[in-house]
Every structure is written in structure tokens, then in C-alpha cells.
Amino acid sequence: MIASLRAESLKTRKRWANWILFGILLLTLLLIGYVVVYVVLSNPPPNFRSPVPARVLKREVFPENLVPNVLAFTSRIGTAIMIILGGLSTASEYGWLTVQTILVQKPSRSAVLLGKLAMLAIVTLLVAVVTLAATALTSYLLMTIDGTSSSWPSATVLLKGFGALWLEFAVWTAFGMLLGIAFRSTAAAIGGGLTYLFVGEDLLGQVFRNTEGVKEVLRFLPGVNAGAVNASFRLTFRNPDTTTQLVDATRGTITLLAYLVAFTVLALLIFRRLDVGSS
């Protein structure tokens, strides 16, 4: 497993797609989630209408709201990028026919996949750390430019927020990894993952959110449970989002952990049993 981890570390660093995905995540979050929001709310258009004044809404990008703002913004763009990252890490091995070359060297299939899993865990940890650090710095700079003051979240809130961010990144990366192994096609893995995210979780989840019977099923979806965890970190001002959460944060956390284990075990079982040379 250690040798597999070293090999995965080299591949991860050399794969330009990983750096591009991370750059997209960070730039989108900082530019749209912080800079654009601050500029627009600092100079609201004449037709701006909101139950919360723009000067109050602007505090969303200040340090006091660091955790809820990051979690809310990364709940979709971050999720999509993590699915792509996970799918690339496994499906590309089949597209390049490198999986056969790796197994010819005689490492066990379990060791190969566990090495890949360990590397993905490290990657998601680093992405979560850099994302939170970069947004904290941007938030501080915007507060300084605005000439106002804002308190930082407590250490407990920061740790819980970081844990939620890392857990959600890990779950969706594992989901993408599983799809890559199951479909053995980068396009199919990414397409299937994003279709599930934007159609299954977003579209159908919102349309049938209050439909009896259907909402009982929705309570088990990973995105719904991640949303419940994110909603437990509230903005310091009244949040205009009145969406009713179908589960509480505790159940959401437990469900996400269960999905992480399930995705990992399923990926391992499929990888060990399927003929890697078949199409």
C-alpha cells in the first residue's frame, strides 16, 4: 500500500487536470463568492430589493460569516469538482490502459485501491485547508478595505466547519471514484456523477421536496444530508433562505459518514471482482 501511495502521489502531482480543477474551485469561490458579492452589495443597483439591507447582506463576506459562506458556496461547485476529481483518479487508468500495467507489477488490487484512497483523502484534506485559508484571507482583506470590523468564528466553529467541508469533499470524491471504477470510462463517470448531482439532487430534490412519500426518500440522499450539515452554520444576520431541512445536522453527519464507507467498500469490491481488461 505504501508503494501504491507513493505512485499515486506522483501521478496526482503530475496530472494537470487536478491543478486546473483546484484553480477553478478557488478562483470561482474567491471571485464570485467574495469579490463580486462585496462589490455588488457595496454599490447595489437602483432596483435592488431585499428584506435585508445591502449593507447588512455585505457582512456575508466578512470573517464572522466565514464558515457558513464557504460551506454554502462550495455545496455545488465544490461538489461537482470533487466528483470530477474522483472520477479522473480511477476512470483514467482504464482509458490509458495503465491499470493492467500496474497490476502486472504484482501489487494486490486492494493495495492499489487503498493507496489511491489514501492519496484522495490527503488531497481532499489539503483542498479543504487551502480553501478555508484562502477565503479567510480574502474575507479579512475585504473587511479591511471596507473599513469596518468583524469578529472571527470561535475555534470550535472553525474546527466543526473544517470537518464538515473535508467530510463533504471526501464523500463526493469517493462517489466519483466509485463511478470511475464501475463505468471504466472518464466521460461516463463524470457525466453520470454530474447528472445525478444537478438532476437527482438539485432539480428533483427541490421539486419534490415537500411531496409526501418522496421526501422520505430524499432524506437519505447525500446532498440533502450535506445541506442539513451546512444549514447548521448560520449567518450572523437573518438568513433569507427559508428552505426547510428534511434532516438535522447530526443525522446528516452520520449519513455522510455512512456514504463514505459505502462508496469505499463498493469501489473495493467492484475493483477486486471485475476483469480490468474488459470493456
C-alpha atoms as a PDB file:
ATOM      1  CA  MET A   1       0.000   0.000   0.000  1.00  0.00           C
ATOM      2  CA  ILE A   2       2.886   2.403   0.768  1.00  0.00           C
ATOM      3  CA  ALA A   3       4.328   1.878  -2.710  1.00  0.00           C
ATOM      4  CA  SER A   4       0.889   2.467  -4.224  1.00  0.00           C
ATOM      5  CA  LEU A   5       0.522   5.654  -2.178  1.00  0.00           C
ATOM      6  CA  ARG A   6       3.867   6.932  -3.449  1.00  0.00           C
ATOM      7  CA  ALA A   7       2.889   6.165  -7.029  1.00  0.00           C
ATOM      8  CA  GLU A   8      -0.459   7.891  -6.579  1.00  0.00           C
ATOM      9  CA  SER A   9       1.271  10.902  -5.058  1.00  0.00           C
ATOM     10  CA  LEU A  10       3.455  11.266  -8.150  1.00  0.00           C
ATOM     11  CA  LYS A  11       0.523  10.848 -10.543  1.00  0.00           C
ATOM     12  CA  THR A  12      -1.614  13.307  -8.602  1.00  0.00           C
ATOM     13  CA  ARG A  13       1.080  15.986  -8.704  1.00  0.00           C
ATOM     14  CA  LYS A  14       1.808  15.439 -12.397  1.00  0.00           C
ATOM     15  CA  ARG A  15      -1.825  15.369 -13.548  1.00  0.00           C
ATOM     16  CA  TRP A  16      -2.553  18.890 -14.775  1.00  0.00           C
ATOM     17  CA  ALA A  17      -6.309  18.325 -14.642  1.00  0.00           C
ATOM     18  CA  ASN A  18      -6.120  18.202 -10.837  1.00  0.00           C
ATOM     19  CA  TRP A  19      -4.429  21.597 -10.648  1.00  0.00           C
ATOM     20  CA  ILE A  20      -6.900  23.074 -13.144  1.00  0.00           C
ATOM     21  CA  LEU A  21      -9.865  21.773 -11.135  1.00  0.00           C
ATOM     22  CA  PHE A  22      -8.437  23.179  -7.919  1.00  0.00           C
ATOM     23  CA  GLY A  23      -7.783  26.524  -9.629  1.00  0.00           C
ATOM     24  CA  ILE A  24     -11.368  26.669 -10.897  1.00  0.00           C
ATOM     25  CA  LEU A  25     -12.707  25.934  -7.411  1.00  0.00           C
ATOM     26  CA  LEU A  26     -10.558  28.550  -5.713  1.00  0.00           C
ATOM     27  CA  LEU A  27     -10.969  31.309  -8.305  1.00  0.00           C
ATOM     28  CA  THR A  28     -14.721  30.800  -8.558  1.00  0.00           C
ATOM     29  CA  LEU A  29     -15.125  30.869  -4.792  1.00  0.00           C
ATOM     30  CA  LEU A  30     -12.950  33.931  -4.240  1.00  0.00           C
ATOM     31  CA  LEU A  31     -14.082  35.971  -7.241  1.00  0.00           C
ATOM     32  CA  ILE A  32     -17.801  35.197  -7.314  1.00  0.00           C
ATOM     33  CA  GLY A  33     -18.410  34.165  -3.727  1.00  0.00           C
ATOM     34  CA  TYR A  34     -16.478  37.069  -2.219  1.00  0.00           C
ATOM     35  CA  VAL A  35     -15.210  39.839  -4.500  1.00  0.00           C
ATOM     36  CA  VAL A  36     -18.261  40.113  -6.783  1.00  0.00           C
ATOM     37  CA  VAL A  37     -20.683  39.829  -3.853  1.00  0.00           C
ATOM     38  CA  TYR A  38     -18.823  42.578  -1.980  1.00  0.00           C
ATOM     39  CA  VAL A  39     -18.670  44.928  -4.993  1.00  0.00           C
ATOM     40  CA  VAL A  40     -22.360  44.463  -5.870  1.00  0.00           C
ATOM     41  CA  LEU A  41     -23.591  44.889  -2.296  1.00  0.00           C
ATOM     42  CA  SER A  42     -21.322  47.875  -1.731  1.00  0.00           C
ATOM     43  CA  ASN A  43     -22.888  49.556  -4.782  1.00  0.00           C
ATOM     44  CA  PRO A  44     -26.357  47.987  -5.094  1.00  0.00           C
ATOM     45  CA  PRO A  45     -28.282  48.718  -8.317  1.00  0.00           C
ATOM     46  CA  PRO A  46     -31.311  51.042  -8.138  1.00  0.00           C
ATOM     47  CA  ASN A  47     -33.745  48.123  -8.497  1.00  0.00           C
ATOM     48  CA  PHE A  48     -32.152  46.154  -5.655  1.00  0.00           C
ATOM     49  CA  ARG A  49     -34.848  44.722  -3.382  1.00  0.00           C
ATOM     50  CA  SER A  50     -34.231  42.598  -0.323  1.00  0.00           C
ATOM     51  CA  PRO A  51     -35.796  42.195   3.133  1.00  0.00           C
ATOM     52  CA  VAL A  52     -32.235  42.531   4.464  1.00  0.00           C
ATOM     53  CA  PRO A  53     -30.416  45.809   3.638  1.00  0.00           C
ATOM     54  CA  ALA A  54     -27.417  45.573   1.314  1.00  0.00           C
ATOM     55  CA  ARG A  55     -25.088  46.967   3.992  1.00  0.00           C
ATOM     56  CA  VAL A  56     -26.095  44.034   6.221  1.00  0.00           C
ATOM     57  CA  LEU A  57     -26.002  41.418   3.476  1.00  0.00           C
ATOM     58  CA  LYS A  58     -22.470  42.593   2.680  1.00  0.00           C
ATOM     59  CA  ARG A  59     -21.345  41.153   6.004  1.00  0.00           C
ATOM     60  CA  GLU A  60     -21.781  37.712   4.474  1.00  0.00           C
ATOM     61  CA  VAL A  61     -18.232  38.021   3.098  1.00  0.00           C
ATOM     62  CA  PHE A  62     -16.728  39.225   6.376  1.00  0.00           C
ATOM     63  CA  PRO A  63     -14.898  36.930   8.840  1.00  0.00           C
ATOM     64  CA  GLU A  64     -17.916  36.496  11.132  1.00  0.00           C
ATOM     65  CA  ASN A  65     -19.670  34.518   8.374  1.00  0.00           C
ATOM     66  CA  LEU A  66     -16.632  32.640   7.054  1.00  0.00           C
ATOM     67  CA  VAL A  67     -17.847  29.104   7.744  1.00  0.00           C
ATOM     68  CA  PRO A  68     -21.476  29.314   6.513  1.00  0.00           C
ATOM     69  CA  ASN A  69     -20.450  31.270   3.419  1.00  0.00           C
ATOM     70  CA  VAL A  70     -17.752  28.799   2.385  1.00  0.00           C
ATOM     71  CA  LEU A  71     -19.975  25.770   3.000  1.00  0.00           C
ATOM     72  CA  ALA A  72     -22.903  27.294   1.120  1.00  0.00           C
ATOM     73  CA  PHE A  73     -20.838  28.272  -1.910  1.00  0.00           C
ATOM     74  CA  THR A  74     -18.887  25.014  -2.171  1.00  0.00           C
ATOM     75  CA  SER A  75     -22.026  22.892  -1.783  1.00  0.00           C
ATOM     76  CA  ARG A  76     -22.413  22.795  -5.582  1.00  0.00           C
ATOM     77  CA  ILE A  77     -19.262  23.973  -7.354  1.00  0.00           C
ATOM     78  CA  GLY A  78     -17.105  22.124  -4.837  1.00  0.00           C
ATOM     79  CA  THR A  79     -19.253  19.011  -5.071  1.00  0.00           C
ATOM     80  CA  ALA A  80     -19.074  18.949  -8.876  1.00  0.00           C
ATOM     81  CA  ILE A  81     -15.299  19.399  -8.886  1.00  0.00           C
ATOM     82  CA  MET A  82     -14.781  16.659  -6.303  1.00  0.00           C
ATOM     83  CA  ILE A  83     -16.875  14.232  -8.364  1.00  0.00           C
ATOM     84  CA  ILE A  84     -14.749  15.022 -11.416  1.00  0.00           C
ATOM     85  CA  LEU A  85     -11.550  14.642  -9.378  1.00  0.00           C
ATOM     86  CA  GLY A  86     -12.604  11.247  -8.056  1.00  0.00           C
ATOM     87  CA  GLY A  87     -13.739  10.048 -11.464  1.00  0.00           C
ATOM     88  CA  LEU A  88     -10.475  11.083 -13.119  1.00  0.00           C
ATOM     89  CA  SER A  89      -8.407   9.321 -10.478  1.00  0.00           C
ATOM     90  CA  THR A  90      -9.853   5.900 -11.337  1.00  0.00           C
ATOM     91  CA  ALA A  91     -11.504   6.004 -14.773  1.00  0.00           C
ATOM     92  CA  SER A  92      -8.430   7.490 -16.446  1.00  0.00           C
ATOM     93  CA  GLU A  93      -6.465   4.356 -15.515  1.00  0.00           C
ATOM     94  CA  TYR A  94      -8.775   2.349 -17.764  1.00  0.00           C
ATOM     95  CA  GLY A  95      -8.671   4.895 -20.585  1.00  0.00           C
ATOM     96  CA  TRP A  96      -4.858   4.930 -20.589  1.00  0.00           C
ATOM     97  CA  LEU A  97      -4.697   1.130 -20.046  1.00  0.00           C
ATOM     98  CA  THR A  98      -2.348   1.744 -17.124  1.00  0.00           C
ATOM     99  CA  VAL A  99      -4.379  -0.333 -14.684  1.00  0.00           C
ATOM    100  CA  GLN A 100      -3.194  -3.547 -16.355  1.00  0.00           C
ATOM    101  CA  THR A 101       0.419  -2.357 -16.221  1.00  0.00           C
ATOM    102  CA  ILE A 102       0.092  -1.578 -12.515  1.00  0.00           C
ATOM    103  CA  LEU A 103      -1.361  -4.985 -11.648  1.00  0.00           C
ATOM    104  CA  VAL A 104       1.280  -6.804 -13.712  1.00  0.00           C
ATOM    105  CA  GLN A 105       3.822  -5.473 -11.191  1.00  0.00           C
ATOM    106  CA  LYS A 106       2.092  -7.796  -8.676  1.00  0.00           C
ATOM    107  CA  PRO A 107       0.638  -5.434  -6.083  1.00  0.00           C
ATOM    108  CA  SER A 108      -2.724  -6.720  -4.851  1.00  0.00           C
ATOM    109  CA  ARG A 109      -5.814  -4.969  -6.110  1.00  0.00           C
ATOM    110  CA  SER A 110      -6.673  -3.997  -2.549  1.00  0.00           C
ATOM    111  CA  ALA A 111      -3.262  -2.376  -2.069  1.00  0.00           C
ATOM    112  CA  VAL A 112      -3.615  -0.433  -5.323  1.00  0.00           C
ATOM    113  CA  LEU A 113      -7.035   0.926  -4.448  1.00  0.00           C
ATOM    114  CA  LEU A 114      -6.187   1.613  -0.800  1.00  0.00           C
ATOM    115  CA  GLY A 115      -3.173   3.616  -1.940  1.00  0.00           C
ATOM    116  CA  LYS A 116      -5.431   5.610  -4.248  1.00  0.00           C
ATOM    117  CA  LEU A 117      -7.956   6.117  -1.437  1.00  0.00           C
ATOM    118  CA  ALA A 118      -5.263   7.329   0.951  1.00  0.00           C
ATOM    119  CA  MET A 119      -3.999   9.805  -1.645  1.00  0.00           C
ATOM    120  CA  LEU A 120      -7.505  11.113  -2.297  1.00  0.00           C
ATOM    121  CA  ALA A 121      -8.014  11.565   1.449  1.00  0.00           C
ATOM    122  CA  ILE A 122      -4.830  13.639   1.596  1.00  0.00           C
ATOM    123  CA  VAL A 123      -5.839  15.652  -1.470  1.00  0.00           C
ATOM    124  CA  THR A 124      -9.289  16.473  -0.099  1.00  0.00           C
ATOM    125  CA  LEU A 125      -7.700  17.444   3.230  1.00  0.00           C
ATOM    126  CA  LEU A 126      -5.285  19.830   1.518  1.00  0.00           C
ATOM    127  CA  VAL A 127      -8.015  21.276  -0.696  1.00  0.00           C
ATOM    128  CA  ALA A 128     -10.190  21.915   2.374  1.00  0.00           C
ATOM    129  CA  VAL A 129      -7.290  23.565   4.240  1.00  0.00           C
ATOM    130  CA  VAL A 130      -6.276  25.824   1.344  1.00  0.00           C
ATOM    131  CA  THR A 131      -9.889  26.699   0.534  1.00  0.00           C
ATOM    132  CA  LEU A 132     -10.650  27.759   4.094  1.00  0.00           C
ATOM    133  CA  ALA A 133      -7.348  29.636   4.441  1.00  0.00           C
ATOM    134  CA  ALA A 134      -7.742  31.479   1.125  1.00  0.00           C
ATOM    135  CA  THR A 135     -11.299  32.521   1.882  1.00  0.00           C
ATOM    136  CA  ALA A 136     -10.293  33.667   5.373  1.00  0.00           C
ATOM    137  CA  LEU A 137      -7.546  35.872   3.888  1.00  0.00           C
ATOM    138  CA  THR A 138      -9.900  37.266   1.240  1.00  0.00           C
ATOM    139  CA  SER A 139     -12.544  37.935   3.876  1.00  0.00           C
ATOM    140  CA  TYR A 140     -10.031  39.794   6.036  1.00  0.00           C
ATOM    141  CA  LEU A 141      -8.847  41.914   3.087  1.00  0.00           C
ATOM    142  CA  LEU A 142     -12.415  42.869   2.139  1.00  0.00           C
ATOM    143  CA  MET A 143     -13.171  43.806   5.736  1.00  0.00           C
ATOM    144  CA  THR A 144     -10.046  45.981   5.809  1.00  0.00           C
ATOM    145  CA  ILE A 145     -10.963  47.661   2.504  1.00  0.00           C
ATOM    146  CA  ASP A 146     -14.457  48.314   3.830  1.00  0.00           C
ATOM    147  CA  GLY A 147     -13.012  49.951   6.938  1.00  0.00           C
ATOM    148  CA  THR A 148     -15.281  48.028   9.270  1.00  0.00           C
ATOM    149  CA  SER A 149     -14.754  45.432  11.970  1.00  0.00           C
ATOM    150  CA  SER A 150     -15.818  41.830  12.243  1.00  0.00           C
ATOM    151  CA  SER A 151     -15.162  39.068  14.740  1.00  0.00           C
ATOM    152  CA  TRP A 152     -13.745  35.713  13.694  1.00  0.00           C
ATOM    153  CA  PRO A 153     -15.673  32.497  14.409  1.00  0.00           C
ATOM    154  CA  SER A 154     -14.668  30.652  17.545  1.00  0.00           C
ATOM    155  CA  ALA A 155     -12.090  27.876  17.319  1.00  0.00           C
ATOM    156  CA  THR A 156     -14.859  25.329  17.879  1.00  0.00           C
ATOM    157  CA  VAL A 157     -16.933  26.642  14.982  1.00  0.00           C
ATOM    158  CA  LEU A 158     -13.877  26.758  12.730  1.00  0.00           C
ATOM    159  CA  LEU A 159     -12.969  23.153  13.538  1.00  0.00           C
ATOM    160  CA  LYS A 160     -16.535  21.948  13.010  1.00  0.00           C
ATOM    161  CA  GLY A 161     -16.787  23.887   9.759  1.00  0.00           C
ATOM    162  CA  PHE A 162     -13.494  22.490   8.523  1.00  0.00           C
ATOM    163  CA  GLY A 163     -14.592  18.972   9.464  1.00  0.00           C
ATOM    164  CA  ALA A 164     -17.863  19.415   7.555  1.00  0.00           C
ATOM    165  CA  LEU A 165     -16.022  20.761   4.498  1.00  0.00           C
ATOM    166  CA  TRP A 166     -13.497  17.917   4.480  1.00  0.00           C
ATOM    167  CA  LEU A 167     -16.186  15.267   5.024  1.00  0.00           C
ATOM    168  CA  GLU A 168     -18.301  16.548   2.150  1.00  0.00           C
ATOM    169  CA  PHE A 169     -15.289  16.794  -0.162  1.00  0.00           C
ATOM    170  CA  ALA A 170     -14.295  13.233   0.779  1.00  0.00           C
ATOM    171  CA  VAL A 171     -17.795  11.794   0.217  1.00  0.00           C
ATOM    172  CA  TRP A 172     -18.191  13.289  -3.253  1.00  0.00           C
ATOM    173  CA  THR A 173     -14.646  12.358  -4.262  1.00  0.00           C
ATOM    174  CA  ALA A 174     -15.322   8.770  -3.175  1.00  0.00           C
ATOM    175  CA  PHE A 175     -18.558   8.860  -5.192  1.00  0.00           C
ATOM    176  CA  GLY A 176     -16.668   9.944  -8.305  1.00  0.00           C
ATOM    177  CA  MET A 177     -14.023   7.311  -7.675  1.00  0.00           C
ATOM    178  CA  LEU A 178     -16.708   4.616  -7.420  1.00  0.00           C
ATOM    179  CA  LEU A 179     -18.310   5.730 -10.682  1.00  0.00           C
ATOM    180  CA  GLY A 180     -14.917   5.667 -12.391  1.00  0.00           C
ATOM    181  CA  ILE A 181     -14.365   2.065 -11.353  1.00  0.00           C
ATOM    182  CA  ALA A 182     -17.917   0.960 -12.131  1.00  0.00           C
ATOM    183  CA  PHE A 183     -18.106   2.608 -15.589  1.00  0.00           C
ATOM    184  CA  ARG A 184     -14.381   2.370 -16.500  1.00  0.00           C
ATOM    185  CA  SER A 185     -14.902   5.478 -18.602  1.00  0.00           C
ATOM    186  CA  THR A 186     -13.941   9.022 -17.664  1.00  0.00           C
ATOM    187  CA  ALA A 187     -16.781  10.562 -19.682  1.00  0.00           C
ATOM    188  CA  ALA A 188     -19.378   8.172 -18.249  1.00  0.00           C
ATOM    189  CA  ALA A 189     -18.169   8.627 -14.686  1.00  0.00           C
ATOM    190  CA  ILE A 190     -18.139  12.430 -14.855  1.00  0.00           C
ATOM    191  CA  GLY A 191     -21.352  12.626 -16.869  1.00  0.00           C
ATOM    192  CA  GLY A 192     -23.174  10.221 -14.572  1.00  0.00           C
ATOM    193  CA  GLY A 193     -21.963  11.979 -11.447  1.00  0.00           C
ATOM    194  CA  LEU A 194     -22.887  15.465 -12.625  1.00  0.00           C
ATOM    195  CA  THR A 195     -26.264  14.273 -13.947  1.00  0.00           C
ATOM    196  CA  TYR A 196     -27.066  12.785 -10.566  1.00  0.00           C
ATOM    197  CA  LEU A 197     -25.941  15.962  -8.810  1.00  0.00           C
ATOM    198  CA  PHE A 198     -27.820  18.503 -10.910  1.00  0.00           C
ATOM    199  CA  VAL A 199     -30.869  16.430 -11.867  1.00  0.00           C
ATOM    200  CA  GLY A 200     -31.309  13.997  -8.989  1.00  0.00           C
ATOM    201  CA  GLU A 201     -30.188  16.173  -6.105  1.00  0.00           C
ATOM    202  CA  ASP A 202     -30.952  19.686  -7.335  1.00  0.00           C
ATOM    203  CA  LEU A 203     -33.884  19.532  -9.746  1.00  0.00           C
ATOM    204  CA  LEU A 204     -35.921  16.574  -8.485  1.00  0.00           C
ATOM    205  CA  GLY A 205     -34.864  17.190  -4.887  1.00  0.00           C
ATOM    206  CA  GLN A 206     -36.240  20.734  -4.985  1.00  0.00           C
ATOM    207  CA  VAL A 207     -39.378  19.966  -6.998  1.00  0.00           C
ATOM    208  CA  PHE A 208     -40.483  17.049  -4.800  1.00  0.00           C
ATOM    209  CA  ARG A 209     -39.025  18.308  -1.525  1.00  0.00           C
ATOM    210  CA  ASN A 210     -42.426  18.700   0.105  1.00  0.00           C
ATOM    211  CA  THR A 211     -44.139  15.748  -1.587  1.00  0.00           C
ATOM    212  CA  GLU A 212     -45.243  13.101   0.874  1.00  0.00           C
ATOM    213  CA  GLY A 213     -43.571   9.769   0.294  1.00  0.00           C
ATOM    214  CA  VAL A 214     -40.906  11.209  -1.994  1.00  0.00           C
ATOM    215  CA  LYS A 215     -39.392  13.380   0.708  1.00  0.00           C
ATOM    216  CA  GLU A 216     -38.910  10.244   2.813  1.00  0.00           C
ATOM    217  CA  VAL A 217     -36.578   9.015   0.076  1.00  0.00           C
ATOM    218  CA  LEU A 218     -34.889  12.398  -0.229  1.00  0.00           C
ATOM    219  CA  ARG A 219     -33.894  12.221   3.433  1.00  0.00           C
ATOM    220  CA  PHE A 220     -31.385   9.506   2.502  1.00  0.00           C
ATOM    221  CA  LEU A 221     -29.665  11.387  -0.339  1.00  0.00           C
ATOM    222  CA  PRO A 222     -26.101  12.580   0.369  1.00  0.00           C
ATOM    223  CA  GLY A 223     -26.747  16.089  -0.948  1.00  0.00           C
ATOM    224  CA  VAL A 224     -29.781  16.591   1.290  1.00  0.00           C
ATOM    225  CA  ASN A 225     -27.804  15.453   4.320  1.00  0.00           C
ATOM    226  CA  ALA A 226     -24.854  17.663   3.392  1.00  0.00           C
ATOM    227  CA  GLY A 227     -27.273  20.579   3.091  1.00  0.00           C
ATOM    228  CA  ALA A 228     -28.544  19.901   6.601  1.00  0.00           C
ATOM    229  CA  VAL A 229     -24.987  19.955   7.958  1.00  0.00           C
ATOM    230  CA  ASN A 230     -24.268  23.235   6.150  1.00  0.00           C
ATOM    231  CA  ALA A 231     -27.516  24.795   7.381  1.00  0.00           C
ATOM    232  CA  SER A 232     -26.432  24.256  10.994  1.00  0.00           C
ATOM    233  CA  PHE A 233     -23.832  27.015  10.453  1.00  0.00           C
ATOM    234  CA  ARG A 234     -25.992  30.131  10.255  1.00  0.00           C
ATOM    235  CA  LEU A 235     -25.178  33.633   9.080  1.00  0.00           C
ATOM    236  CA  THR A 236     -24.982  36.276  11.802  1.00  0.00           C
ATOM    237  CA  PHE A 237     -27.919  38.124  10.229  1.00  0.00           C
ATOM    238  CA  ARG A 238     -31.285  36.597   9.366  1.00  0.00           C
ATOM    239  CA  ASN A 239     -30.800  34.185   6.530  1.00  0.00           C
ATOM    240  CA  PRO A 240     -33.265  34.915   3.686  1.00  0.00           C
ATOM    241  CA  ASP A 241     -33.154  31.226   2.670  1.00  0.00           C
ATOM    242  CA  THR A 242     -36.286  29.648   4.146  1.00  0.00           C
ATOM    243  CA  THR A 243     -35.718  26.127   2.793  1.00  0.00           C
ATOM    244  CA  THR A 244     -36.877  23.536   5.291  1.00  0.00           C
ATOM    245  CA  GLN A 245     -34.235  20.932   6.066  1.00  0.00           C
ATOM    246  CA  LEU A 246     -35.507  17.347   5.893  1.00  0.00           C
ATOM    247  CA  VAL A 247     -32.988  16.050   8.460  1.00  0.00           C
ATOM    248  CA  ASP A 248     -30.977  17.543  11.293  1.00  0.00           C
ATOM    249  CA  ALA A 249     -27.217  18.118  11.308  1.00  0.00           C
ATOM    250  CA  THR A 250     -26.449  15.088  13.471  1.00  0.00           C
ATOM    251  CA  ARG A 251     -28.269  12.688  11.189  1.00  0.00           C
ATOM    252  CA  GLY A 252     -26.713  14.444   8.203  1.00  0.00           C
ATOM    253  CA  THR A 253     -23.194  13.866   9.537  1.00  0.00           C
ATOM    254  CA  ILE A 254     -23.867  10.208  10.327  1.00  0.00           C
ATOM    255  CA  THR A 255     -25.400   9.648   6.894  1.00  0.00           C
ATOM    256  CA  LEU A 256     -22.432  11.246   5.122  1.00  0.00           C
ATOM    257  CA  LEU A 257     -20.026   9.035   7.077  1.00  0.00           C
ATOM    258  CA  ALA A 258     -22.106   6.002   6.109  1.00  0.00           C
ATOM    259  CA  TYR A 259     -21.954   7.031   2.449  1.00  0.00           C
ATOM    260  CA  LEU A 260     -18.193   7.487   2.654  1.00  0.00           C
ATOM    261  CA  VAL A 261     -17.793   3.950   3.989  1.00  0.00           C
ATOM    262  CA  ALA A 262     -20.302   2.530   1.494  1.00  0.00           C
ATOM    263  CA  PHE A 263     -18.676   4.179  -1.540  1.00  0.00           C
ATOM    264  CA  THR A 264     -15.259   2.962  -0.405  1.00  0.00           C
ATOM    265  CA  VAL A 265     -16.354  -0.625   0.202  1.00  0.00           C
ATOM    266  CA  LEU A 266     -18.305  -0.817  -3.072  1.00  0.00           C
ATOM    267  CA  ALA A 267     -15.358   0.543  -5.031  1.00  0.00           C
ATOM    268  CA  LEU A 268     -13.071  -2.035  -3.440  1.00  0.00           C
ATOM    269  CA  LEU A 269     -15.470  -4.912  -4.134  1.00  0.00           C
ATOM    270  CA  ILE A 270     -16.003  -3.920  -7.775  1.00  0.00           C
ATOM    271  CA  PHE A 271     -12.311  -3.357  -8.408  1.00  0.00           C
ATOM    272  CA  ARG A 272     -11.379  -6.731  -6.917  1.00  0.00           C
ATOM    273  CA  ARG A 273     -14.004  -8.699  -8.807  1.00  0.00           C
ATOM    274  CA  LEU A 274     -14.260  -7.166 -12.292  1.00  0.00           C
ATOM    275  CA  ASP A 275     -11.875  -8.028 -15.115  1.00  0.00           C
ATOM    276  CA  VAL A 276      -9.870  -4.826 -15.584  1.00  0.00           C
ATOM    277  CA  GLY A 277      -9.213  -5.721 -19.192  1.00  0.00           C
ATOM    278  CA  SER A 278     -12.869  -5.981 -20.194  1.00  0.00           C
ATOM    279  CA  SER A 279     -14.797  -3.072 -21.669  1.00  0.00           C
END
